[in-house]
Amino acid sequence: MGKLLNEFKDFAMKGNVVDMAIGVVIGGAFGAIVSSVVEDLITPLIGAIFGQPDFSHITLGPIALGNFINAVVNFLIIAICLFAVVKAINKMKKPAPAPKAARVCPFCKSEIADDATRCPHCTSELAK
């Protein structure tokens, strides 16, 4: 039983699991913000432009087509908001540093370690 508990502790404390848990919590909080933006800001604007922000009264016989339209509109608005936020976050990120060019032996033209003093391929002495 102790071994199983230790394995579970190792699994739960891995960086990826903790990062994912934090992401889920922050995602839930962010979801509340996006829902508020949609319901309190954008939906009333749609209502002001088109006359009615709620499409739930639209039916096609017994099918409540309006509820589906509401869900699609809400999804599109949320997707656009999330796209804008992700795009803004990506602009704020520092670009990854360019990888350093590989060092090449001047004699045999093989790729060598940056701190090498001798080429492992042709054994020539290398200048620093």
Protein backbone atom coordinates (compact mmCIF):
# COMPACT_ATOMS: atom_id res chain seq x y z
CA MET A 1 0.00 0.00 0.00
CA GLY A 2 2.89 2.36 0.79
CA LYS A 3 4.41 1.82 -2.64
CA LEU A 4 1.10 2.68 -4.31
CA LEU A 5 0.82 5.88 -2.24
CA ASN A 6 4.37 6.87 -3.18
CA GLU A 7 3.67 6.25 -6.86
CA PHE A 8 0.51 8.35 -6.65
CA LYS A 9 2.39 11.15 -4.87
CA ASP A 10 5.10 11.11 -7.57
CA PHE A 11 2.43 11.25 -10.27
CA ALA A 12 0.42 14.04 -8.61
CA MET A 13 3.47 16.21 -7.95
CA LYS A 14 4.84 16.09 -11.48
CA GLY A 15 5.06 19.52 -13.06
CA ASN A 16 2.60 18.73 -15.84
CA VAL A 17 -0.19 17.66 -13.47
CA VAL A 18 0.19 20.72 -11.27
CA ASP A 19 0.38 23.02 -14.31
CA MET A 20 -2.76 21.43 -15.74
CA ALA A 21 -4.62 21.86 -12.44
CA ILE A 22 -3.68 25.54 -12.30
CA GLY A 23 -4.77 25.93 -15.92
CA VAL A 24 -8.16 24.38 -15.20
CA VAL A 25 -8.77 26.70 -12.23
CA ILE A 26 -7.68 29.79 -14.14
CA GLY A 27 -9.69 28.62 -17.16
CA GLY A 28 -12.83 28.39 -15.02
CA ALA A 29 -12.30 31.90 -13.70
CA PHE A 30 -11.58 33.19 -17.18
CA GLY A 31 -14.71 31.44 -18.45
CA ALA A 32 -16.77 33.49 -15.98
CA ILE A 33 -15.21 36.69 -17.31
CA VAL A 34 -15.87 35.73 -20.93
CA SER A 35 -19.46 34.71 -20.12
CA SER A 36 -20.01 38.10 -18.48
CA VAL A 37 -18.59 39.90 -21.52
CA VAL A 38 -20.92 37.94 -23.80
CA GLU A 39 -24.06 38.24 -21.66
CA ASP A 40 -23.58 41.77 -20.30
CA LEU A 41 -21.81 43.60 -23.10
CA ILE A 42 -22.01 41.92 -26.49
CA THR A 43 -25.52 40.42 -26.36
CA PRO A 44 -27.12 43.80 -25.52
CA LEU A 45 -25.18 45.33 -28.42
CA ILE A 46 -26.57 42.66 -30.74
CA GLY A 47 -30.02 43.46 -29.36
CA ALA A 48 -29.52 47.18 -30.03
CA ILE A 49 -28.39 46.53 -33.60
CA PHE A 50 -30.81 43.77 -34.61
CA GLY A 51 -33.71 44.59 -32.32
CA GLN A 52 -33.66 41.41 -30.21
CA PRO A 53 -30.68 39.64 -28.61
CA ASP A 54 -32.64 36.47 -27.87
CA PHE A 55 -33.55 34.07 -30.68
CA SER A 56 -35.24 31.47 -28.46
CA HIS A 57 -38.72 32.33 -29.80
CA ILE A 58 -37.82 30.98 -33.28
CA THR A 59 -39.24 27.52 -33.88
CA LEU A 60 -39.51 25.18 -36.82
CA GLY A 61 -42.58 23.17 -35.92
CA PRO A 62 -41.79 21.35 -32.67
CA ILE A 63 -38.06 22.08 -33.01
CA ALA A 64 -36.76 24.98 -30.89
CA LEU A 65 -34.41 26.34 -33.52
CA GLY A 66 -33.91 29.61 -31.65
CA ASN A 67 -32.16 27.94 -28.72
CA PHE A 68 -29.70 26.37 -31.14
CA ILE A 69 -29.11 29.75 -32.80
CA ASN A 70 -28.49 31.31 -29.35
CA ALA A 71 -25.95 28.59 -28.54
CA VAL A 72 -24.15 29.06 -31.87
CA VAL A 73 -24.02 32.85 -31.49
CA ASN A 74 -22.71 32.53 -27.92
CA PHE A 75 -20.09 30.02 -29.06
CA LEU A 76 -18.92 32.30 -31.88
CA ILE A 77 -18.68 35.31 -29.58
CA ILE A 78 -16.74 33.34 -26.96
CA ALA A 79 -14.44 31.87 -29.63
CA ILE A 80 -13.68 35.33 -31.02
CA CYS A 81 -12.99 36.69 -27.51
CA LEU A 82 -10.67 33.79 -26.70
CA PHE A 83 -8.89 34.17 -30.04
CA ALA A 84 -8.28 37.86 -29.30
CA VAL A 85 -6.97 37.11 -25.80
CA VAL A 86 -4.64 34.33 -26.99
CA LYS A 87 -3.36 36.56 -29.79
CA ALA A 88 -2.65 39.36 -27.29
CA ILE A 89 -0.88 36.96 -24.90
CA ASN A 90 1.25 35.57 -27.73
CA LYS A 91 2.33 39.12 -28.65
CA MET A 92 3.46 39.71 -25.05
CA LYS A 93 5.63 36.59 -24.97
CA LYS A 94 9.32 37.03 -25.57
CA PRO A 95 10.47 35.36 -28.78
CA ALA A 96 12.58 32.27 -28.26
CA PRO A 97 16.29 32.93 -28.70
CA ALA A 98 17.67 31.78 -32.02
CA PRO A 99 19.62 28.53 -31.69
CA LYS A 100 23.37 28.98 -31.86
CA ALA A 101 24.90 27.77 -35.10
CA ALA A 102 26.74 24.46 -34.78
CA ARG A 103 30.52 24.59 -34.70
CA VAL A 104 32.20 22.89 -37.65
CA CYS A 105 35.66 21.38 -37.81
CA PRO A 106 37.75 23.43 -40.27
CA PHE A 107 39.54 20.29 -41.44
CA CYS A 108 36.90 17.59 -41.98
CA LYS A 109 33.80 19.85 -41.88
CA SER A 110 32.07 17.64 -39.27
CA GLU A 111 29.85 19.12 -36.61
CA ILE A 112 31.58 19.27 -33.24
CA ALA A 113 30.78 20.32 -29.68
CA ASP A 114 31.21 24.02 -28.94
CA ASP A 115 33.81 23.40 -26.21
CA ALA A 116 35.81 20.75 -28.08
CA THR A 117 39.60 21.16 -28.32
CA ARG A 118 40.00 18.22 -30.71
CA CYS A 119 37.71 17.02 -33.49
CA PRO A 120 36.20 13.63 -32.55
CA HIS A 121 36.08 12.66 -36.24
CA CYS A 122 39.49 13.54 -37.60
CA THR A 123 41.32 14.19 -34.28
CA SER A 124 42.69 17.53 -35.48
CA GLU A 125 43.54 20.10 -32.83
CA LEU A 126 41.11 22.97 -32.86
CA ALA A 127 41.72 26.60 -32.09
CA LYS A 128 39.33 28.20 -29.63
